[in-house]
Amino acid sequence: MIPPPCVSPILSSSPHFQLTASGLSLPASLPPASLNAALAAAASSLRASSLTGAWRSELLPVASSFSSFSSSPLAIERGAAGCFAARGFGVHVNGYVRGEGGEVRLWVATRASDKGVCPGMLDHVVAGAINSECRDPLETVVKECGEEAGIPPEIAGRAVAAGTVEYEGLDGWTREGTGRVVPEEQQGYKRDTLFCYDLELPADFIPRPVDGEVGSFELMGLGEVRAAFEEGAAREFKGNCYPVVEGFLRRQGAWE
């Protein structure tokens, strides 16, 4: 799963990395501090070689499943996770309002134009990675709601779990809108699980950009949201939003 161009920078970053018939490995006998130091050195080496995704200065626990995620002592820089095909976990929130006549509309974000991943594309009102500092999905929802959209905890805490979405594949789609074209052999590999939430917001509440992740918010009718799924749509969602938004539309009876 490790892209071939990444092998040399990783091997040169630490004497602990070993190349075997099955791939790159670190000795299981190393203490967590040494393993994390090797992973950090590798991430920095990959960044210096322009092989990582957008650098986030955010650590993600390294785990093969969510059951071991909360207790994993290992962590890797989010921007380099794809270079190791590390499994990622995140939250996506469908923030919606219901009118007096029952009409449902969805708050949709437009990502900031200077984002390293999919700048200017449509996105959920709130979404983010579950990281080393906050390993609980709902707690991450509450944290991200405040940081990205100014949604207070007493509202964010009402979010209702709506299942999960899993996907895996090359991460070239994360460069959409950046003007950066990465050959397939240099692309990382994403293996992500998204915890999906529906959050009904008060009709008079207006989300606001807080941390610079979002350029603007707008309230869309479900027909307008559905139009973004059409081939050649003038406005498109970030790639991993589509299955989450589709699930919401289905729950609202707005998917044909």
Protein backbone atom coordinates (compact mmCIF):
# COMPACT_ATOMS: atom_id res chain seq x y z
CA MET A 1 0.00 0.00 0.00
CA ILE A 2 2.99 2.34 0.45
CA PRO A 3 3.61 4.28 -2.79
CA PRO A 4 6.98 3.22 -4.28
CA PRO A 5 8.42 6.78 -4.30
CA CYS A 6 7.82 6.97 -0.53
CA VAL A 7 9.97 3.96 0.34
CA SER A 8 13.38 5.63 0.04
CA PRO A 9 12.51 8.76 2.10
CA ILE A 10 11.04 6.55 4.82
CA LEU A 11 14.04 4.22 4.96
CA SER A 12 16.46 7.13 5.10
CA SER A 13 14.56 8.84 7.91
CA SER A 14 15.31 6.32 10.65
CA PRO A 15 17.51 3.23 11.09
CA HIS A 16 14.57 1.45 12.68
CA PHE A 17 12.63 1.04 9.43
CA GLN A 18 13.22 -2.31 7.74
CA LEU A 19 12.40 -3.35 4.19
CA THR A 20 11.06 -6.91 4.05
CA ALA A 21 9.37 -9.08 1.45
CA SER A 22 5.99 -7.92 2.78
CA GLY A 23 6.87 -4.21 2.92
CA LEU A 24 8.23 -1.72 5.42
CA SER A 25 8.17 -2.51 9.11
CA LEU A 26 9.31 -1.28 12.51
CA PRO A 27 10.54 -3.64 15.23
CA ALA A 28 7.69 -4.55 17.57
CA SER A 29 10.18 -4.56 20.44
CA LEU A 30 10.64 -0.78 20.27
CA PRO A 31 8.87 1.26 22.96
CA PRO A 32 6.02 3.53 21.80
CA ALA A 33 8.15 6.67 22.18
CA SER A 34 10.74 5.29 19.76
CA LEU A 35 8.09 4.10 17.31
CA ASN A 36 6.43 7.52 17.34
CA ALA A 37 9.78 9.23 16.86
CA ALA A 38 10.42 7.04 13.80
CA LEU A 39 6.97 7.81 12.38
CA ALA A 40 7.49 11.54 12.94
CA ALA A 41 10.90 11.42 11.24
CA ALA A 42 9.40 9.54 8.30
CA ALA A 43 6.58 12.06 7.96
CA SER A 44 9.06 14.95 7.92
CA SER A 45 11.20 13.19 5.33
CA LEU A 46 8.17 12.58 3.12
CA ARG A 47 7.14 16.20 3.46
CA ALA A 48 10.63 17.36 2.45
CA SER A 49 10.28 15.17 -0.65
CA SER A 50 6.86 16.74 -1.47
CA LEU A 51 5.14 13.36 -1.14
CA THR A 52 2.61 14.09 1.60
CA GLY A 53 -0.84 15.53 1.36
CA ALA A 54 -1.61 18.91 2.91
CA TRP A 55 0.32 19.18 6.18
CA ARG A 56 -2.07 19.50 9.13
CA SER A 57 0.14 19.53 12.26
CA GLU A 58 -2.45 17.10 13.63
CA LEU A 59 -1.72 13.62 14.94
CA LEU A 60 -3.94 10.64 14.21
CA PRO A 61 -3.82 7.43 16.26
CA VAL A 62 -2.51 4.44 14.32
CA ALA A 63 -4.95 1.53 14.62
CA SER A 64 -6.32 -1.25 12.44
CA SER A 65 -9.88 -0.82 13.78
CA PHE A 66 -11.88 1.62 15.88
CA SER A 67 -11.96 -0.85 18.77
CA SER A 68 -8.21 -0.37 19.22
CA PHE A 69 -8.21 3.29 18.16
CA SER A 70 -8.93 4.81 21.57
CA SER A 71 -6.06 3.01 23.28
CA SER A 72 -3.42 3.10 20.54
CA PRO A 73 -0.15 4.62 21.79
CA LEU A 74 1.04 5.32 18.24
CA ALA A 75 0.28 8.41 16.17
CA ILE A 76 1.15 9.84 12.79
CA GLU A 77 0.87 13.27 11.16
CA ARG A 78 -2.46 13.45 9.34
CA GLY A 79 -0.91 14.76 6.14
CA ALA A 80 1.36 11.71 5.90
CA ALA A 81 -1.20 9.07 6.87
CA GLY A 82 -1.98 8.21 3.24
CA CYS A 83 1.68 7.43 2.59
CA PHE A 84 1.35 4.57 5.07
CA ALA A 85 -2.23 3.61 4.12
CA ALA A 86 -3.07 4.30 7.76
CA ARG A 87 -6.73 3.90 8.64
CA GLY A 88 -8.46 7.16 9.46
CA PHE A 89 -11.65 8.00 11.35
CA GLY A 90 -13.70 11.15 11.12
CA VAL A 91 -17.11 12.76 11.64
CA HIS A 92 -19.42 14.40 9.09
CA VAL A 93 -22.45 16.37 10.22
CA ASN A 94 -25.59 17.03 8.17
CA GLY A 95 -26.78 20.29 9.73
CA TYR A 96 -30.35 21.03 8.66
CA VAL A 97 -33.37 23.17 9.49
CA ARG A 98 -37.03 22.33 9.19
CA GLY A 99 -39.48 25.06 8.15
CA GLU A 100 -42.97 25.61 9.53
CA GLY A 101 -44.40 23.62 6.63
CA GLY A 102 -41.99 20.74 7.20
CA GLU A 103 -39.62 21.69 4.37
CA VAL A 104 -36.07 20.56 5.11
CA ARG A 105 -33.06 22.59 4.02
CA LEU A 106 -29.41 21.74 4.51
CA TRP A 107 -26.64 24.07 5.66
CA VAL A 108 -23.73 23.65 3.24
CA ALA A 109 -20.22 25.00 3.63
CA THR A 110 -17.93 26.26 0.88
CA ARG A 111 -14.39 25.34 1.81
CA ALA A 112 -11.89 28.18 2.14
CA SER A 113 -10.01 29.01 -1.05
CA ASP A 114 -6.63 28.48 0.61
CA LYS A 115 -7.38 24.97 1.94
CA GLY A 116 -4.77 22.36 1.04
CA VAL A 117 -7.52 19.80 0.40
CA CYS A 118 -10.33 20.51 -2.08
CA PRO A 119 -10.35 24.33 -1.76
CA GLY A 120 -13.56 26.08 -2.77
CA MET A 121 -15.63 22.89 -2.93
CA LEU A 122 -18.91 22.25 -1.12
CA ASP A 123 -18.74 20.47 2.22
CA HIS A 124 -20.75 19.57 5.29
CA VAL A 125 -21.53 22.31 7.78
CA VAL A 126 -19.07 20.52 10.07
CA ALA A 127 -16.60 17.70 9.43
CA GLY A 128 -13.27 16.69 10.88
CA ALA A 129 -10.85 13.95 11.81
CA ILE A 130 -11.01 12.09 15.10
CA ASN A 131 -7.50 12.72 16.33
CA SER A 132 -5.17 11.88 19.19
CA GLU A 133 -6.46 14.70 21.36
CA CYS A 134 -10.15 13.79 21.09
CA ARG A 135 -10.89 10.14 20.31
CA ASP A 136 -14.66 10.03 20.82
CA PRO A 137 -16.92 10.66 17.78
CA LEU A 138 -19.61 12.72 19.50
CA GLU A 139 -17.05 14.73 21.47
CA THR A 140 -15.31 15.42 18.15
CA VAL A 141 -18.63 16.60 16.70
CA VAL A 142 -19.10 19.06 19.58
CA LYS A 143 -15.51 20.30 19.31
CA GLU A 144 -15.60 20.71 15.51
CA CYS A 145 -19.02 22.39 15.62
CA GLY A 146 -17.58 25.14 17.79
CA GLU A 147 -14.30 25.46 15.92
CA GLU A 148 -15.68 25.46 12.38
CA ALA A 149 -19.18 26.88 12.53
CA GLY A 150 -19.69 28.57 15.91
CA ILE A 151 -22.35 26.04 16.91
CA PRO A 152 -22.53 26.02 20.74
CA PRO A 153 -22.18 22.76 22.69
CA GLU A 154 -25.80 22.78 23.89
CA ILE A 155 -26.91 22.56 20.25
CA ALA A 156 -24.08 20.41 18.89
CA GLY A 157 -24.68 17.81 21.59
CA ARG A 158 -28.10 17.06 20.06
CA ALA A 159 -26.49 15.48 16.99
CA VAL A 160 -28.02 12.08 16.20
CA ALA A 161 -25.80 9.23 15.00
CA ALA A 162 -26.77 8.13 11.48
CA GLY A 163 -24.44 5.22 10.75
CA THR A 164 -21.01 5.03 9.21
CA VAL A 165 -19.49 5.23 5.74
CA GLU A 166 -16.32 3.38 4.81
CA TYR A 167 -14.19 3.83 1.70
CA GLU A 168 -10.70 3.19 0.49
CA GLY A 169 -8.62 4.01 -2.55
CA LEU A 170 -5.98 6.36 -3.92
CA ASP A 171 -6.11 9.85 -2.45
CA GLY A 172 -5.67 11.84 -5.65
CA TRP A 173 -9.20 13.27 -5.27
CA THR A 174 -8.06 15.24 -2.22
CA ARG A 175 -6.02 17.49 -4.55
CA GLU A 176 -9.08 18.60 -6.54
CA GLY A 177 -9.09 22.37 -6.88
CA THR A 178 -5.45 22.78 -5.84
CA GLY A 179 -4.00 22.67 -9.34
CA ARG A 180 -1.61 19.98 -8.14
CA VAL A 181 -1.63 16.83 -10.27
CA VAL A 182 -0.03 13.79 -8.62
CA PRO A 183 0.71 10.67 -10.69
CA GLU A 184 -1.08 7.56 -9.43
CA GLU A 185 2.16 5.88 -8.41
CA GLN A 186 2.87 8.79 -6.04
CA GLN A 187 -0.59 9.00 -4.51
CA GLY A 188 -1.28 7.86 -0.99
CA TYR A 189 -3.96 5.37 -0.05
CA LYS A 190 -6.93 6.36 2.09
CA ARG A 191 -8.80 3.87 4.27
CA ASP A 192 -11.38 5.91 6.13
CA THR A 193 -14.41 5.38 8.32
CA LEU A 194 -16.76 8.35 8.71
CA PHE A 195 -19.20 8.57 11.61
CA CYS A 196 -22.28 10.32 10.20
CA TYR A 197 -24.55 12.58 12.24
CA ASP A 198 -27.76 14.51 11.59
CA LEU A 199 -28.13 17.74 13.54
CA GLU A 200 -31.35 19.77 13.42
CA LEU A 201 -30.43 23.41 13.93
CA PRO A 202 -32.80 26.14 15.14
CA ALA A 203 -34.45 27.93 12.23
CA ASP A 204 -32.95 31.25 13.33
CA PHE A 205 -29.42 29.95 13.87
CA ILE A 206 -26.83 31.00 11.28
CA PRO A 207 -23.45 29.19 11.32
CA ARG A 208 -20.39 31.39 10.92
CA PRO A 209 -16.81 30.61 9.86
CA VAL A 210 -14.59 30.56 12.93
CA ASP A 211 -11.23 28.88 12.32
CA GLY A 212 -10.71 29.70 8.62
CA GLU A 213 -11.57 26.20 7.37
CA VAL A 214 -14.74 27.51 5.70
CA GLY A 215 -15.19 30.46 3.39
CA SER A 216 -18.96 30.73 3.76
CA PHE A 217 -22.17 28.88 4.65
CA GLU A 218 -25.43 28.79 2.74
CA LEU A 219 -28.80 27.17 3.28
CA MET A 220 -29.79 24.94 0.37
CA GLY A 221 -33.05 23.26 -0.52
CA LEU A 222 -32.76 19.49 -0.95
CA GLY A 223 -33.37 19.80 -4.69
CA GLU A 224 -30.41 22.14 -4.97
CA VAL A 225 -28.30 19.72 -2.92
CA ARG A 226 -29.39 16.84 -5.15
CA ALA A 227 -28.31 18.82 -8.24
CA ALA A 228 -24.69 18.71 -7.05
CA PHE A 229 -24.75 14.96 -7.71
CA GLU A 230 -25.42 15.43 -11.44
CA GLU A 231 -22.59 14.90 -13.89
CA GLY A 232 -21.07 18.22 -14.88
CA ALA A 233 -22.66 20.08 -11.94
CA ALA A 234 -21.45 23.65 -11.66
CA ARG A 235 -20.76 23.16 -7.96
CA GLU A 236 -19.49 19.93 -6.48
CA PHE A 237 -19.04 18.49 -3.02
CA LYS A 238 -15.71 17.26 -1.73
CA GLY A 239 -15.52 13.62 -2.78
CA ASN A 240 -16.13 11.90 0.55
CA CYS A 241 -19.19 14.05 1.29
CA TYR A 242 -21.32 12.40 -1.38
CA PRO A 243 -22.17 9.10 0.36
CA VAL A 244 -22.91 10.95 3.62
CA VAL A 245 -25.16 13.50 1.92
CA GLU A 246 -26.86 10.74 -0.08
CA GLY A 247 -27.70 8.94 3.15
CA PHE A 248 -29.27 12.13 4.52
CA LEU A 249 -31.31 12.68 1.36
CA ARG A 250 -32.56 9.09 1.54
CA ARG A 251 -33.63 9.52 5.17
CA GLN A 252 -35.54 12.64 4.10
CA GLY A 253 -37.22 10.84 1.19
CA ALA A 254 -35.48 13.15 -1.28
CA TRP A 255 -33.48 10.54 -3.19
CA GLU A 256 -34.95 8.97 -6.32
